[in-house]
Amino acid sequence: MQNLKSLGVLTLFFSMALFVISCGGNASAEGADTDATEMTEAAAHGEGKEYTSAYVCPMHCEGSGSEEAGKCPVCGMDYVALDTHTGDGHEH
């Protein structure tokens, strides 16, 4: 009976230790999410002219993007304003 009680206590202790260790890993991941949300929208959206120009191609074709409205020279789609494109929850 004493061995069964000791085994139960040991199992409970091991389970609690495993729980604490596994939850500790999630705390660091949450901190990483906080750092990611502190980035600017443009940086979070992408880098390069096709992501940061005032007007961007919705397909982000390489070499596209302009400071003026127009059409993408690669795919022919109309450029959209960057704030409109990133302001509607658009993420990669």
Foldseek 3Di string as FASTA:
>chain_A
DVVVVVVVVVVVVVVVVVVVVVVVVVVVVVVVVVVLVPDDLQVQAHDDQQRPAQWHDLVSPPPFHDVDWDAGPPPGHTTDGNCVSSVVVDGD
